[in-house]
């Protein structure tokens, strides 16, 4: 899995932390520790799915356009990272006569598919608000 999921969740949690306030891509990027272009790309995807709204021009930026107590991490995962758990590299060779080499990739594909189902189920039990609460608890420790 790449870092898109973490960047998307971090950005949404940050906007939930700033309710009714706009944040520019530069401000979000500084908080996430990445570059503003990467944030703009991620926010475009989140905007297309109704999670954020944008205002262009001076004083513009992004604002949360969803209920952080309802949006689950599974929804975010499906938008930015679904199918990314499985590596792009393939192992073995289905043309070989060796049972291991010719069948390992098929079995691994099923294992990753099953793992992704379990991961999405786990993420479905957590919302953006849940993550924000966990972050706030870390601060009091």
Protein backbone atom coordinates (compact mmCIF):
# COMPACT_ATOMS: atom_id res chain seq x y z
CA UNK A 1 0.00 0.00 0.00
CA UNK A 2 1.27 3.49 -0.73
CA UNK A 3 0.91 6.58 1.45
CA UNK A 4 -2.20 7.99 -0.27
CA UNK A 5 -4.53 6.52 2.34
CA UNK A 6 -2.60 8.04 5.23
CA UNK A 7 -2.42 11.42 3.48
CA UNK A 8 -6.16 11.37 2.78
CA UNK A 9 -7.07 10.41 6.35
CA UNK A 10 -4.63 12.93 7.83
CA UNK A 11 -6.05 15.70 5.63
CA UNK A 12 -9.66 14.88 6.52
CA UNK A 13 -8.86 14.62 10.24
CA UNK A 14 -7.04 17.96 10.10
CA UNK A 15 -10.06 19.61 8.45
CA UNK A 16 -12.35 17.99 11.05
CA UNK A 17 -10.09 19.51 13.71
CA UNK A 18 -10.74 22.93 12.10
CA UNK A 19 -14.53 22.85 11.70
CA UNK A 20 -15.96 25.68 9.60
CA UNK A 21 -12.47 26.88 8.67
CA UNK A 22 -10.76 26.78 5.31
CA UNK A 23 -7.25 25.42 4.96
CA UNK A 24 -5.09 25.97 1.90
CA UNK A 25 -3.14 23.17 0.27
CA UNK A 26 0.01 24.78 1.67
CA UNK A 27 -1.34 24.71 5.24
CA UNK A 28 -2.54 21.11 4.93
CA UNK A 29 0.74 20.08 3.28
CA UNK A 30 2.73 21.57 6.14
CA UNK A 31 0.61 19.66 8.67
CA UNK A 32 0.88 16.39 6.68
CA UNK A 33 4.59 16.93 5.91
CA UNK A 34 4.29 16.60 2.16
CA UNK A 35 4.17 18.98 -0.77
CA UNK A 36 1.12 21.09 -1.69
CA UNK A 37 0.84 19.55 -5.18
CA UNK A 38 0.35 16.12 -3.63
CA UNK A 39 -2.31 17.53 -1.31
CA UNK A 40 -4.12 19.20 -4.22
CA UNK A 41 -4.19 15.90 -6.10
CA UNK A 42 -5.56 14.05 -3.06
CA UNK A 43 -8.07 16.77 -2.24
CA UNK A 44 -9.34 16.70 -5.83
CA UNK A 45 -10.22 13.05 -5.38
CA UNK A 46 -11.83 13.71 -1.99
CA UNK A 47 -13.78 16.65 -3.46
CA UNK A 48 -15.03 14.48 -6.34
CA UNK A 49 -16.49 12.10 -3.75
CA UNK A 50 -18.12 14.83 -1.65
CA UNK A 51 -15.81 14.79 1.35
CA UNK A 52 -14.45 18.33 0.92
CA UNK A 53 -15.45 21.55 -0.77
CA UNK A 54 -13.15 24.13 -2.26
CA UNK A 55 -13.08 27.87 -2.59
CA UNK A 56 -10.71 29.39 -5.11
CA UNK A 57 -8.88 32.68 -4.84
CA UNK A 58 -7.54 34.68 -1.92
CA UNK A 59 -8.55 33.15 1.38
CA UNK A 60 -9.65 30.00 -0.40
CA UNK A 61 -8.81 26.43 0.28
CA UNK A 62 -10.53 23.29 1.44
CA UNK A 63 -13.25 22.75 4.00
CA UNK A 64 -14.75 19.52 5.28
CA UNK A 65 -18.04 18.84 3.48
CA UNK A 66 -19.05 15.65 5.27
CA UNK A 67 -19.88 14.48 8.74
CA UNK A 68 -16.66 13.16 10.31
CA UNK A 69 -18.74 10.99 12.64
CA UNK A 70 -20.25 9.17 9.67
CA UNK A 71 -17.42 8.90 7.12
CA UNK A 72 -15.51 5.67 7.72
CA UNK A 73 -11.92 4.91 6.95
CA UNK A 74 -13.24 2.13 4.69
CA UNK A 75 -14.89 4.76 2.47
CA UNK A 76 -11.64 6.70 2.23
CA UNK A 77 -9.67 3.52 1.59
CA UNK A 78 -11.97 2.51 -1.28
CA UNK A 79 -11.52 5.90 -2.93
CA UNK A 80 -7.74 6.26 -2.69
CA UNK A 81 -6.21 2.84 -2.08
CA UNK A 82 -8.51 -0.05 -2.92
CA UNK A 83 -6.54 -2.78 -4.67
CA UNK A 84 -3.21 -1.36 -3.51
CA UNK A 85 -2.61 -3.94 -0.80
CA UNK A 86 -1.51 -6.46 -3.40
CA UNK A 87 1.99 -5.85 -4.76
CA UNK A 88 2.26 -5.11 -8.46
CA UNK A 89 5.06 -7.63 -8.87
CA UNK A 90 4.03 -11.18 -9.75
CA UNK A 91 5.81 -14.25 -8.52
CA UNK A 92 6.29 -17.56 -10.25
CA UNK A 93 5.50 -18.59 -13.79
CA UNK A 94 2.15 -20.19 -14.66
CA UNK A 95 3.80 -21.81 -17.70
CA UNK A 96 6.23 -23.87 -15.59
CA UNK A 97 5.53 -27.48 -14.70
CA UNK A 98 6.55 -26.91 -11.07
CA UNK A 99 3.36 -26.85 -8.98
CA UNK A 100 4.80 -24.14 -6.69
CA UNK A 101 5.94 -21.78 -9.44
CA UNK A 102 2.82 -22.22 -11.54
CA UNK A 103 0.29 -21.72 -8.72
CA UNK A 104 1.79 -19.41 -6.11
CA UNK A 105 0.58 -16.18 -7.75
CA UNK A 106 -3.01 -17.42 -7.96
CA UNK A 107 -2.97 -18.35 -4.28
CA UNK A 108 -1.28 -15.08 -3.27
CA UNK A 109 -3.86 -13.09 -5.26
CA UNK A 110 -6.62 -14.78 -3.25
CA UNK A 111 -4.79 -14.18 0.03
CA UNK A 112 -4.43 -10.46 -0.74
CA UNK A 113 -8.07 -10.27 -1.85
CA UNK A 114 -9.20 -11.85 1.43
CA UNK A 115 -6.88 -9.60 3.44
CA UNK A 116 -8.29 -6.52 1.74
CA UNK A 117 -11.83 -7.60 2.64
CA UNK A 118 -10.78 -7.96 6.29
CA UNK A 119 -8.94 -4.63 6.19
CA UNK A 120 -11.98 -2.81 4.78
CA UNK A 121 -14.16 -4.41 7.47
CA UNK A 122 -11.75 -3.18 10.15
CA UNK A 123 -11.62 0.31 8.60
CA UNK A 124 -15.41 0.30 8.45
CA UNK A 125 -15.52 0.37 12.23
CA UNK A 126 -13.60 3.65 12.42
CA UNK A 127 -14.64 7.12 11.37
CA UNK A 128 -12.71 10.32 10.80
CA UNK A 129 -14.03 11.46 14.19
CA UNK A 130 -12.69 8.25 15.79
CA UNK A 131 -9.20 9.01 14.48
CA UNK A 132 -9.42 12.61 15.72
CA UNK A 133 -10.44 11.39 19.18
CA UNK A 134 -7.54 8.94 19.28
CA UNK A 135 -5.19 11.79 18.33
CA UNK A 136 -6.59 13.99 21.09
CA UNK A 137 -6.10 11.15 23.59
CA UNK A 138 -2.44 10.89 22.60
CA UNK A 139 -2.02 14.50 23.55
CA UNK A 140 -3.28 13.89 27.08
CA UNK A 141 -0.97 10.92 27.69
